[in-house]
Amino acid sequence: MKYYLDTSAIYLLRTIPERIQAESFYSSFSVIELIAGITVENFQKRKVILGLLSNSAVMRDTTFAEQLIFEAFDSFNKYEYKEQRITDLYGLMEDVLNTPDLNRFKARQAENQRKFDFNYFVWLDNFLTDNFYNSAVVGNIEIKEALEDSKGKAFVKIGDKKYDLDSRRAIVNFLNEPGVNDSFTIIALANAGLNILSTSFGKMTEEDVYKSYNGKLNNFLSAMSAYSTDQLINDKLPHRNDFQDLIHLLYLRSSSSLKIISNDNIYAKCIPEQSVSVSALFA
């Protein structure tokens, strides 16, 4: 596969050439977004989109975001990850395709009595986004506190290396130093992993998980670090919707050749080498 289609690209599936579709895949996270956000007003539109996706040449990655995080930290290696939600999620997708409206869709949920039903995936969609958002906010706070501690010194020392902090540009250079901002992002990712997985995989410390990061989510790491730097330098508040977009980058894993197709500008800003807009496909 060469391309990953995020949810915005899936909405524009009709305009994406079949040759590109045949080299693309979509994720369970996009399906969760599409189903969890269903309302009376958009039911028909999302039903059409899911139908087009189901009948297209685009491949399906059934991996859940939690498993990608699980596999990115060797601390979890002694545990077996067992995913039990795939059948129910794609069963819900079929329910949308085979019911005329939201009321009938919800009635079918009562009939099917799935363990992981519509209400569960509405909760999961919010939980994943909120969890990443809250973990990133904590990471940004830690960076700000580190910079606050260095005030008056005009530098901060990490190991044997000293970083000047006597100007805005110097701070930008510090945050862009290899491993510095990434470390805070790994901490945020480790916290997200602990919040998601700790109930199933016992007690682990943040430090244990942090030290075991194995590089399998480096594209997400790079983009999240770039996003966090921009937020800090420009004193911006993180946006919840941005984190919903960034979660899609987990599916690029650590590939240097895989590109995300999307019309969301956040990817062009945070990971420009590996993002392409739908319109650029025709350039």
C-alpha atoms as a PDB file:
ATOM      1  CA  MET A   1       0.000   0.000   0.000  1.00  0.00           C
ATOM      2  CA  LYS A   2       1.120   3.550  -0.774  1.00  0.00           C
ATOM      3  CA  TYR A   3      -1.662   5.675   0.701  1.00  0.00           C
ATOM      4  CA  TYR A   4      -3.799   5.945   3.823  1.00  0.00           C
ATOM      5  CA  LEU A   5      -7.181   7.635   3.453  1.00  0.00           C
ATOM      6  CA  ASP A   6      -8.336   9.630   6.444  1.00  0.00           C
ATOM      7  CA  THR A   7     -12.007  10.407   7.037  1.00  0.00           C
ATOM      8  CA  SER A   8     -11.980  13.626   4.995  1.00  0.00           C
ATOM      9  CA  ALA A   9     -10.568  11.705   2.013  1.00  0.00           C
ATOM     10  CA  ILE A  10     -13.196   8.982   2.421  1.00  0.00           C
ATOM     11  CA  TYR A  11     -15.883  11.651   2.038  1.00  0.00           C
ATOM     12  CA  LEU A  12     -14.306  12.488  -1.324  1.00  0.00           C
ATOM     13  CA  LEU A  13     -13.870   8.866  -2.399  1.00  0.00           C
ATOM     14  CA  ARG A  14     -15.801   9.393  -5.644  1.00  0.00           C
ATOM     15  CA  THR A  15     -13.168  11.873  -6.800  1.00  0.00           C
ATOM     16  CA  ILE A  16     -10.151   9.667  -6.025  1.00  0.00           C
ATOM     17  CA  PRO A  17      -8.941   7.731  -9.104  1.00  0.00           C
ATOM     18  CA  GLU A  18      -9.446   3.975  -8.957  1.00  0.00           C
ATOM     19  CA  ARG A  19      -5.722   3.373  -9.463  1.00  0.00           C
ATOM     20  CA  ILE A  20      -5.072   5.359  -6.262  1.00  0.00           C
ATOM     21  CA  GLN A  21      -7.874   3.574  -4.430  1.00  0.00           C
ATOM     22  CA  ALA A  22      -6.285   0.236  -5.342  1.00  0.00           C
ATOM     23  CA  GLU A  23      -3.084   1.348  -3.615  1.00  0.00           C
ATOM     24  CA  SER A  24      -4.824   2.726  -0.530  1.00  0.00           C
ATOM     25  CA  PHE A  25      -6.263   1.573   2.771  1.00  0.00           C
ATOM     26  CA  TYR A  26      -8.564   2.945   5.451  1.00  0.00           C
ATOM     27  CA  SER A  27      -8.702   2.216   9.163  1.00  0.00           C
ATOM     28  CA  SER A  28     -11.069   1.088  11.853  1.00  0.00           C
ATOM     29  CA  PHE A  29     -10.638   4.526  13.397  1.00  0.00           C
ATOM     30  CA  SER A  30     -12.258   6.150  10.341  1.00  0.00           C
ATOM     31  CA  VAL A  31     -15.135   3.683  10.541  1.00  0.00           C
ATOM     32  CA  ILE A  32     -15.566   4.515  14.233  1.00  0.00           C
ATOM     33  CA  GLU A  33     -15.612   8.241  13.407  1.00  0.00           C
ATOM     34  CA  LEU A  34     -18.184   7.772  10.650  1.00  0.00           C
ATOM     35  CA  ILE A  35     -20.499   5.565  12.705  1.00  0.00           C
ATOM     36  CA  ALA A  36     -20.130   7.311  16.076  1.00  0.00           C
ATOM     37  CA  GLY A  37     -20.962  10.674  14.538  1.00  0.00           C
ATOM     38  CA  ILE A  38     -24.201   9.532  12.900  1.00  0.00           C
ATOM     39  CA  THR A  39     -27.232  11.756  13.484  1.00  0.00           C
ATOM     40  CA  VAL A  40     -30.732  11.970  12.037  1.00  0.00           C
ATOM     41  CA  GLU A  41     -29.534  14.727   9.703  1.00  0.00           C
ATOM     42  CA  ASN A  42     -26.442  12.977   8.314  1.00  0.00           C
ATOM     43  CA  PHE A  43     -27.529   9.326   8.388  1.00  0.00           C
ATOM     44  CA  GLN A  44     -28.196   9.065   4.646  1.00  0.00           C
ATOM     45  CA  LYS A  45     -24.943  10.799   3.700  1.00  0.00           C
ATOM     46  CA  ARG A  46     -22.846   8.558   5.921  1.00  0.00           C
ATOM     47  CA  LYS A  47     -24.714   5.500   4.716  1.00  0.00           C
ATOM     48  CA  VAL A  48     -23.790   6.387   1.130  1.00  0.00           C
ATOM     49  CA  ILE A  49     -20.149   7.026   2.082  1.00  0.00           C
ATOM     50  CA  LEU A  50     -19.872   3.715   3.946  1.00  0.00           C
ATOM     51  CA  GLY A  51     -21.456   1.940   0.998  1.00  0.00           C
ATOM     52  CA  LEU A  52     -18.993   3.444  -1.461  1.00  0.00           C
ATOM     53  CA  LEU A  53     -16.126   2.505   0.836  1.00  0.00           C
ATOM     54  CA  SER A  54     -17.373  -1.046   1.289  1.00  0.00           C
ATOM     55  CA  ASN A  55     -17.652  -1.578  -2.479  1.00  0.00           C
ATOM     56  CA  SER A  56     -14.383   0.131  -3.406  1.00  0.00           C
ATOM     57  CA  ALA A  57     -10.927  -1.278  -4.040  1.00  0.00           C
ATOM     58  CA  VAL A  58      -9.607   0.436  -0.900  1.00  0.00           C
ATOM     59  CA  MET A  59      -8.180  -2.092   1.546  1.00  0.00           C
ATOM     60  CA  ARG A  60      -9.291  -2.264   5.181  1.00  0.00           C
ATOM     61  CA  ASP A  61      -6.959  -2.159   8.194  1.00  0.00           C
ATOM     62  CA  THR A  62      -8.977  -3.582  11.076  1.00  0.00           C
ATOM     63  CA  THR A  63      -6.341  -2.698  13.683  1.00  0.00           C
ATOM     64  CA  PHE A  64      -7.600  -0.493  16.495  1.00  0.00           C
ATOM     65  CA  ALA A  65      -5.534   2.506  17.673  1.00  0.00           C
ATOM     66  CA  GLU A  66      -5.025   0.890  21.071  1.00  0.00           C
ATOM     67  CA  GLN A  67      -3.183  -2.049  19.502  1.00  0.00           C
ATOM     68  CA  LEU A  68      -0.838   0.281  17.622  1.00  0.00           C
ATOM     69  CA  ILE A  69       0.074   1.936  20.916  1.00  0.00           C
ATOM     70  CA  PHE A  70       0.416  -1.471  22.585  1.00  0.00           C
ATOM     71  CA  GLU A  71       2.881  -2.617  19.910  1.00  0.00           C
ATOM     72  CA  ALA A  72       4.958   0.578  20.161  1.00  0.00           C
ATOM     73  CA  PHE A  73       6.131  -0.122  23.724  1.00  0.00           C
ATOM     74  CA  ASP A  74       8.119  -3.239  24.532  1.00  0.00           C
ATOM     75  CA  SER A  75       6.888  -3.087  28.126  1.00  0.00           C
ATOM     76  CA  PHE A  76       3.671  -4.653  26.886  1.00  0.00           C
ATOM     77  CA  ASN A  77       5.445  -7.559  25.123  1.00  0.00           C
ATOM     78  CA  LYS A  78       4.841  -9.995  27.950  1.00  0.00           C
ATOM     79  CA  TYR A  79       1.109  -9.545  27.469  1.00  0.00           C
ATOM     80  CA  GLU A  80      -1.026 -10.774  24.602  1.00  0.00           C
ATOM     81  CA  TYR A  81      -3.243  -8.201  22.936  1.00  0.00           C
ATOM     82  CA  LYS A  82      -6.627  -9.693  22.114  1.00  0.00           C
ATOM     83  CA  GLU A  83      -8.982  -7.566  20.020  1.00  0.00           C
ATOM     84  CA  GLN A  84     -12.640  -8.511  20.453  1.00  0.00           C
ATOM     85  CA  ARG A  85     -14.390  -5.533  18.842  1.00  0.00           C
ATOM     86  CA  ILE A  86     -13.725  -6.007  15.113  1.00  0.00           C
ATOM     87  CA  THR A  87     -16.772  -8.162  14.371  1.00  0.00           C
ATOM     88  CA  ASP A  88     -19.136  -5.828  16.206  1.00  0.00           C
ATOM     89  CA  LEU A  89     -17.729  -2.677  14.567  1.00  0.00           C
ATOM     90  CA  TYR A  90     -18.087  -3.993  11.041  1.00  0.00           C
ATOM     91  CA  GLY A  91     -21.433  -5.514  11.978  1.00  0.00           C
ATOM     92  CA  LEU A  92     -22.555  -1.982  12.829  1.00  0.00           C
ATOM     93  CA  MET A  93     -21.294  -0.839   9.446  1.00  0.00           C
ATOM     94  CA  GLU A  94     -23.504  -3.468   7.800  1.00  0.00           C
ATOM     95  CA  ASP A  95     -26.434  -2.365   9.963  1.00  0.00           C
ATOM     96  CA  VAL A  96     -26.054   1.191   8.665  1.00  0.00           C
ATOM     97  CA  LEU A  97     -25.989  -0.083   5.084  1.00  0.00           C
ATOM     98  CA  ASN A  98     -29.073  -2.257   5.590  1.00  0.00           C
ATOM     99  CA  THR A  99     -31.389   0.101   7.466  1.00  0.00           C
ATOM    100  CA  PRO A 100     -33.353   3.065   6.026  1.00  0.00           C
ATOM    101  CA  ASP A 101     -32.868   5.592   8.834  1.00  0.00           C
ATOM    102  CA  LEU A 102     -31.374   6.220  12.264  1.00  0.00           C
ATOM    103  CA  ASN A 103     -34.434   5.017  14.192  1.00  0.00           C
ATOM    104  CA  ARG A 104     -34.428   1.657  12.422  1.00  0.00           C
ATOM    105  CA  PHE A 105     -30.665   1.419  12.859  1.00  0.00           C
ATOM    106  CA  LYS A 106     -31.033   1.930  16.618  1.00  0.00           C
ATOM    107  CA  ALA A 107     -33.868  -0.584  16.754  1.00  0.00           C
ATOM    108  CA  ARG A 108     -31.601  -3.139  15.130  1.00  0.00           C
ATOM    109  CA  GLN A 109     -29.052  -2.546  17.892  1.00  0.00           C
ATOM    110  CA  ALA A 110     -31.645  -3.619  20.438  1.00  0.00           C
ATOM    111  CA  GLU A 111     -32.362  -6.723  18.351  1.00  0.00           C
ATOM    112  CA  ASN A 112     -28.727  -7.739  17.852  1.00  0.00           C
ATOM    113  CA  GLN A 113     -27.590  -7.164  21.449  1.00  0.00           C
ATOM    114  CA  ARG A 114     -23.941  -6.743  20.497  1.00  0.00           C
ATOM    115  CA  LYS A 115     -21.422  -6.546  23.322  1.00  0.00           C
ATOM    116  CA  PHE A 116     -19.816  -3.536  21.618  1.00  0.00           C
ATOM    117  CA  ASP A 117     -22.781  -1.609  20.304  1.00  0.00           C
ATOM    118  CA  PHE A 118     -23.401   1.837  18.827  1.00  0.00           C
ATOM    119  CA  ASN A 119     -23.314   3.554  22.221  1.00  0.00           C
ATOM    120  CA  TYR A 120     -19.980   1.905  23.010  1.00  0.00           C
ATOM    121  CA  PHE A 121     -18.326   3.252  19.858  1.00  0.00           C
ATOM    122  CA  VAL A 122     -19.740   6.732  20.488  1.00  0.00           C
ATOM    123  CA  TRP A 123     -18.058   6.557  23.905  1.00  0.00           C
ATOM    124  CA  LEU A 124     -14.812   5.152  22.422  1.00  0.00           C
ATOM    125  CA  ASP A 125     -14.563   7.893  19.805  1.00  0.00           C
ATOM    126  CA  ASN A 126     -14.780  10.538  22.529  1.00  0.00           C
ATOM    127  CA  PHE A 127     -12.483   8.638  24.892  1.00  0.00           C
ATOM    128  CA  LEU A 128      -9.645   8.208  22.399  1.00  0.00           C
ATOM    129  CA  THR A 129      -9.697  11.841  21.344  1.00  0.00           C
ATOM    130  CA  ASP A 130     -10.018  13.171  24.902  1.00  0.00           C
ATOM    131  CA  ASN A 131      -7.268  10.837  26.104  1.00  0.00           C
ATOM    132  CA  PHE A 132      -4.788  11.999  23.477  1.00  0.00           C
ATOM    133  CA  TYR A 133      -5.817  15.604  24.034  1.00  0.00           C
ATOM    134  CA  ASN A 134      -5.369  15.419  27.809  1.00  0.00           C
ATOM    135  CA  SER A 135      -2.043  13.564  27.515  1.00  0.00           C
ATOM    136  CA  ALA A 136      -0.710  16.162  25.078  1.00  0.00           C
ATOM    137  CA  VAL A 137      -1.820  19.008  27.338  1.00  0.00           C
ATOM    138  CA  VAL A 138       0.137  17.386  30.181  1.00  0.00           C
ATOM    139  CA  GLY A 139       3.174  17.115  27.880  1.00  0.00           C
ATOM    140  CA  ASN A 140       2.927  20.796  26.945  1.00  0.00           C
ATOM    141  CA  ILE A 141       2.658  21.763  30.601  1.00  0.00           C
ATOM    142  CA  GLU A 142       5.815  19.784  31.372  1.00  0.00           C
ATOM    143  CA  ILE A 143       7.711  21.570  28.589  1.00  0.00           C
ATOM    144  CA  LYS A 144       6.499  24.965  29.827  1.00  0.00           C
ATOM    145  CA  GLU A 145       7.514  24.099  33.381  1.00  0.00           C
ATOM    146  CA  ALA A 146      10.974  23.066  32.175  1.00  0.00           C
ATOM    147  CA  LEU A 147      11.328  26.393  30.383  1.00  0.00           C
ATOM    148  CA  GLU A 148       9.998  28.272  33.414  1.00  0.00           C
ATOM    149  CA  ASP A 149      12.613  26.588  35.611  1.00  0.00           C
ATOM    150  CA  SER A 150      15.325  27.801  33.273  1.00  0.00           C
ATOM    151  CA  LYS A 151      14.257  31.472  33.385  1.00  0.00           C
ATOM    152  CA  GLY A 152      16.966  33.752  34.618  1.00  0.00           C
ATOM    153  CA  LYS A 153      19.621  31.317  33.416  1.00  0.00           C
ATOM    154  CA  ALA A 154      19.037  31.881  29.669  1.00  0.00           C
ATOM    155  CA  PHE A 155      19.985  28.251  29.133  1.00  0.00           C
ATOM    156  CA  VAL A 156      18.996  24.734  30.079  1.00  0.00           C
ATOM    157  CA  LYS A 157      21.387  21.821  30.446  1.00  0.00           C
ATOM    158  CA  ILE A 158      20.419  18.302  29.437  1.00  0.00           C
ATOM    159  CA  GLY A 159      23.132  15.756  30.037  1.00  0.00           C
ATOM    160  CA  ASP A 160      26.417  17.256  28.884  1.00  0.00           C
ATOM    161  CA  LYS A 161      24.812  19.663  26.430  1.00  0.00           C
ATOM    162  CA  LYS A 162      23.765  23.243  27.154  1.00  0.00           C
ATOM    163  CA  TYR A 163      20.944  24.912  25.197  1.00  0.00           C
ATOM    164  CA  ASP A 164      20.623  28.702  25.007  1.00  0.00           C
ATOM    165  CA  LEU A 165      17.140  30.029  25.766  1.00  0.00           C
ATOM    166  CA  ASP A 166      17.801  33.764  25.535  1.00  0.00           C
ATOM    167  CA  SER A 167      15.451  34.391  22.581  1.00  0.00           C
ATOM    168  CA  ARG A 168      12.294  33.019  20.972  1.00  0.00           C
ATOM    169  CA  ARG A 169      14.400  31.582  18.140  1.00  0.00           C
ATOM    170  CA  ALA A 170      16.694  29.863  20.640  1.00  0.00           C
ATOM    171  CA  ILE A 171      13.681  28.254  22.323  1.00  0.00           C
ATOM    172  CA  VAL A 172      12.413  27.078  18.928  1.00  0.00           C
ATOM    173  CA  ASN A 173      15.814  25.553  18.207  1.00  0.00           C
ATOM    174  CA  PHE A 174      15.793  23.876  21.606  1.00  0.00           C
ATOM    175  CA  LEU A 175      12.379  22.321  21.021  1.00  0.00           C
ATOM    176  CA  ASN A 176      13.451  21.198  17.539  1.00  0.00           C
ATOM    177  CA  GLU A 177      16.602  19.563  18.861  1.00  0.00           C
ATOM    178  CA  PRO A 178      16.446  15.819  18.044  1.00  0.00           C
ATOM    179  CA  GLY A 179      15.069  13.911  20.994  1.00  0.00           C
ATOM    180  CA  VAL A 180      14.000  16.898  23.104  1.00  0.00           C
ATOM    181  CA  ASN A 181      10.413  17.514  21.991  1.00  0.00           C
ATOM    182  CA  ASP A 182      10.121  13.854  20.978  1.00  0.00           C
ATOM    183  CA  SER A 183      10.784  12.876  24.586  1.00  0.00           C
ATOM    184  CA  PHE A 184       7.806  14.889  25.801  1.00  0.00           C
ATOM    185  CA  THR A 185       5.668  13.389  23.020  1.00  0.00           C
ATOM    186  CA  ILE A 186       6.720   9.858  23.975  1.00  0.00           C
ATOM    187  CA  ILE A 187       5.753  10.649  27.572  1.00  0.00           C
ATOM    188  CA  ALA A 188       2.338  11.820  26.366  1.00  0.00           C
ATOM    189  CA  LEU A 189       1.983   8.684  24.231  1.00  0.00           C
ATOM    190  CA  ALA A 190       3.077   6.486  27.134  1.00  0.00           C
ATOM    191  CA  ASN A 191       0.465   8.137  29.351  1.00  0.00           C
ATOM    192  CA  ALA A 192      -2.173   7.614  26.675  1.00  0.00           C
ATOM    193  CA  GLY A 193      -1.128   3.972  26.486  1.00  0.00           C
ATOM    194  CA  LEU A 194      -1.304   3.550  30.243  1.00  0.00           C
ATOM    195  CA  ASN A 195      -4.738   5.161  30.382  1.00  0.00           C
ATOM    196  CA  ILE A 196      -6.031   2.935  27.597  1.00  0.00           C
ATOM    197  CA  LEU A 197      -4.316  -0.318  28.494  1.00  0.00           C
ATOM    198  CA  SER A 198      -3.565  -0.362  32.212  1.00  0.00           C
ATOM    199  CA  THR A 199      -6.882  -1.869  33.220  1.00  0.00           C
ATOM    200  CA  SER A 200      -6.120  -4.868  31.032  1.00  0.00           C
ATOM    201  CA  PHE A 201      -2.359  -5.160  31.423  1.00  0.00           C
ATOM    202  CA  GLY A 202      -1.636  -4.549  35.074  1.00  0.00           C
ATOM    203  CA  LYS A 203       0.299  -1.783  36.782  1.00  0.00           C
ATOM    204  CA  MET A 204       3.234  -0.127  35.013  1.00  0.00           C
ATOM    205  CA  THR A 205       4.991   3.145  35.645  1.00  0.00           C
ATOM    206  CA  GLU A 206       5.190   5.942  33.114  1.00  0.00           C
ATOM    207  CA  GLU A 207       8.994   5.631  33.193  1.00  0.00           C
ATOM    208  CA  ASP A 208       8.893   1.899  32.425  1.00  0.00           C
ATOM    209  CA  VAL A 209       6.659   2.442  29.423  1.00  0.00           C
ATOM    210  CA  TYR A 210       8.552   5.520  28.221  1.00  0.00           C
ATOM    211  CA  LYS A 211      11.906   3.732  28.201  1.00  0.00           C
ATOM    212  CA  SER A 212      10.484   0.838  26.196  1.00  0.00           C
ATOM    213  CA  TYR A 213       9.356   2.881  23.168  1.00  0.00           C
ATOM    214  CA  ASN A 214      10.543   0.996  20.077  1.00  0.00           C
ATOM    215  CA  GLY A 215      10.083   3.495  17.244  1.00  0.00           C
ATOM    216  CA  LYS A 216       7.021   1.919  15.640  1.00  0.00           C
ATOM    217  CA  LEU A 217       4.993   5.148  15.706  1.00  0.00           C
ATOM    218  CA  ASN A 218       7.656   7.597  14.560  1.00  0.00           C
ATOM    219  CA  ASN A 219       5.430   9.368  12.028  1.00  0.00           C
ATOM    220  CA  PHE A 220       2.879  10.150  14.718  1.00  0.00           C
ATOM    221  CA  LEU A 221       5.731  11.150  17.005  1.00  0.00           C
ATOM    222  CA  SER A 222       7.210  13.604  14.481  1.00  0.00           C
ATOM    223  CA  ALA A 223       3.850  15.186  13.679  1.00  0.00           C
ATOM    224  CA  MET A 224       2.805  15.475  17.311  1.00  0.00           C
ATOM    225  CA  SER A 225       6.142  17.066  18.198  1.00  0.00           C
ATOM    226  CA  ALA A 226       5.798  19.583  15.356  1.00  0.00           C
ATOM    227  CA  TYR A 227       2.246  20.369  16.446  1.00  0.00           C
ATOM    228  CA  SER A 228       3.260  20.796  20.093  1.00  0.00           C
ATOM    229  CA  THR A 229       6.159  23.078  19.166  1.00  0.00           C
ATOM    230  CA  ASP A 230       3.862  25.319  17.154  1.00  0.00           C
ATOM    231  CA  GLN A 231       1.373  25.458  20.024  1.00  0.00           C
ATOM    232  CA  LEU A 232       4.043  26.345  22.582  1.00  0.00           C
ATOM    233  CA  ILE A 233       5.963  28.882  20.545  1.00  0.00           C
ATOM    234  CA  ASN A 234       2.822  30.715  19.486  1.00  0.00           C
ATOM    235  CA  ASP A 235       1.166  30.306  22.895  1.00  0.00           C
ATOM    236  CA  LYS A 236      -1.830  28.562  21.371  1.00  0.00           C
ATOM    237  CA  LEU A 237      -4.297  26.302  23.106  1.00  0.00           C
ATOM    238  CA  PRO A 238      -4.555  22.757  21.707  1.00  0.00           C
ATOM    239  CA  HIS A 239      -7.710  22.004  19.743  1.00  0.00           C
ATOM    240  CA  ARG A 240      -9.581  18.786  20.468  1.00  0.00           C
ATOM    241  CA  ASN A 241     -10.387  18.258  16.769  1.00  0.00           C
ATOM    242  CA  ASP A 242      -6.675  18.433  15.928  1.00  0.00           C
ATOM    243  CA  PHE A 243      -6.030  15.387  18.080  1.00  0.00           C
ATOM    244  CA  GLN A 244      -8.786  13.490  16.329  1.00  0.00           C
ATOM    245  CA  ASP A 245      -6.913  14.190  13.094  1.00  0.00           C
ATOM    246  CA  LEU A 246      -3.509  13.301  14.544  1.00  0.00           C
ATOM    247  CA  ILE A 247      -4.727   9.878  15.697  1.00  0.00           C
ATOM    248  CA  HIS A 248      -4.929   8.899  12.025  1.00  0.00           C
ATOM    249  CA  LEU A 249      -1.135   9.195  11.809  1.00  0.00           C
ATOM    250  CA  LEU A 250      -0.781   6.161  14.075  1.00  0.00           C
ATOM    251  CA  TYR A 251      -1.695   4.151  10.964  1.00  0.00           C
ATOM    252  CA  LEU A 252       1.357   5.414   9.065  1.00  0.00           C
ATOM    253  CA  ARG A 253       3.372   3.589  11.715  1.00  0.00           C
ATOM    254  CA  SER A 254       7.079   4.213  10.997  1.00  0.00           C
ATOM    255  CA  SER A 255       6.892   3.920   7.198  1.00  0.00           C
ATOM    256  CA  SER A 256       8.845   6.528   5.242  1.00  0.00           C
ATOM    257  CA  SER A 257       7.050   5.801   1.963  1.00  0.00           C
ATOM    258  CA  LEU A 258       3.417   5.701   3.068  1.00  0.00           C
ATOM    259  CA  LYS A 259       1.454   8.931   2.559  1.00  0.00           C
ATOM    260  CA  ILE A 260      -1.791  10.148   4.080  1.00  0.00           C
ATOM    261  CA  ILE A 261      -4.393  11.508   1.665  1.00  0.00           C
ATOM    262  CA  SER A 262      -6.445  14.212   3.358  1.00  0.00           C
ATOM    263  CA  ASN A 263      -7.920  17.654   2.878  1.00  0.00           C
ATOM    264  CA  ASP A 264      -7.113  18.630   6.473  1.00  0.00           C
ATOM    265  CA  ASN A 265      -4.341  21.246   6.607  1.00  0.00           C
ATOM    266  CA  ILE A 266      -2.876  19.907   9.842  1.00  0.00           C
ATOM    267  CA  TYR A 267      -0.975  17.168   8.006  1.00  0.00           C
ATOM    268  CA  ALA A 268       0.604  19.581   5.524  1.00  0.00           C
ATOM    269  CA  LYS A 269       1.874  21.575   8.530  1.00  0.00           C
ATOM    270  CA  CYS A 270       3.010  18.709  10.747  1.00  0.00           C
ATOM    271  CA  ILE A 271       4.149  16.016   8.317  1.00  0.00           C
ATOM    272  CA  PRO A 272       4.406  17.673   4.866  1.00  0.00           C
ATOM    273  CA  GLU A 273       6.667  15.056   3.298  1.00  0.00           C
ATOM    274  CA  GLN A 274       4.061  12.353   3.832  1.00  0.00           C
ATOM    275  CA  SER A 275       0.782  14.130   3.206  1.00  0.00           C
ATOM    276  CA  VAL A 276      -1.050  14.836  -0.028  1.00  0.00           C
ATOM    277  CA  SER A 277      -4.348  16.597  -0.634  1.00  0.00           C
ATOM    278  CA  VAL A 278      -7.083  15.052  -2.785  1.00  0.00           C
ATOM    279  CA  SER A 279      -6.735  17.844  -5.340  1.00  0.00           C
ATOM    280  CA  ALA A 280      -2.973  17.198  -5.615  1.00  0.00           C
ATOM    281  CA  LEU A 281      -3.726  13.721  -6.948  1.00  0.00           C
ATOM    282  CA  PHE A 282      -4.731  15.356 -10.221  1.00  0.00           C
ATOM    283  CA  ALA A 283      -1.786  17.739 -10.453  1.00  0.00           C
END
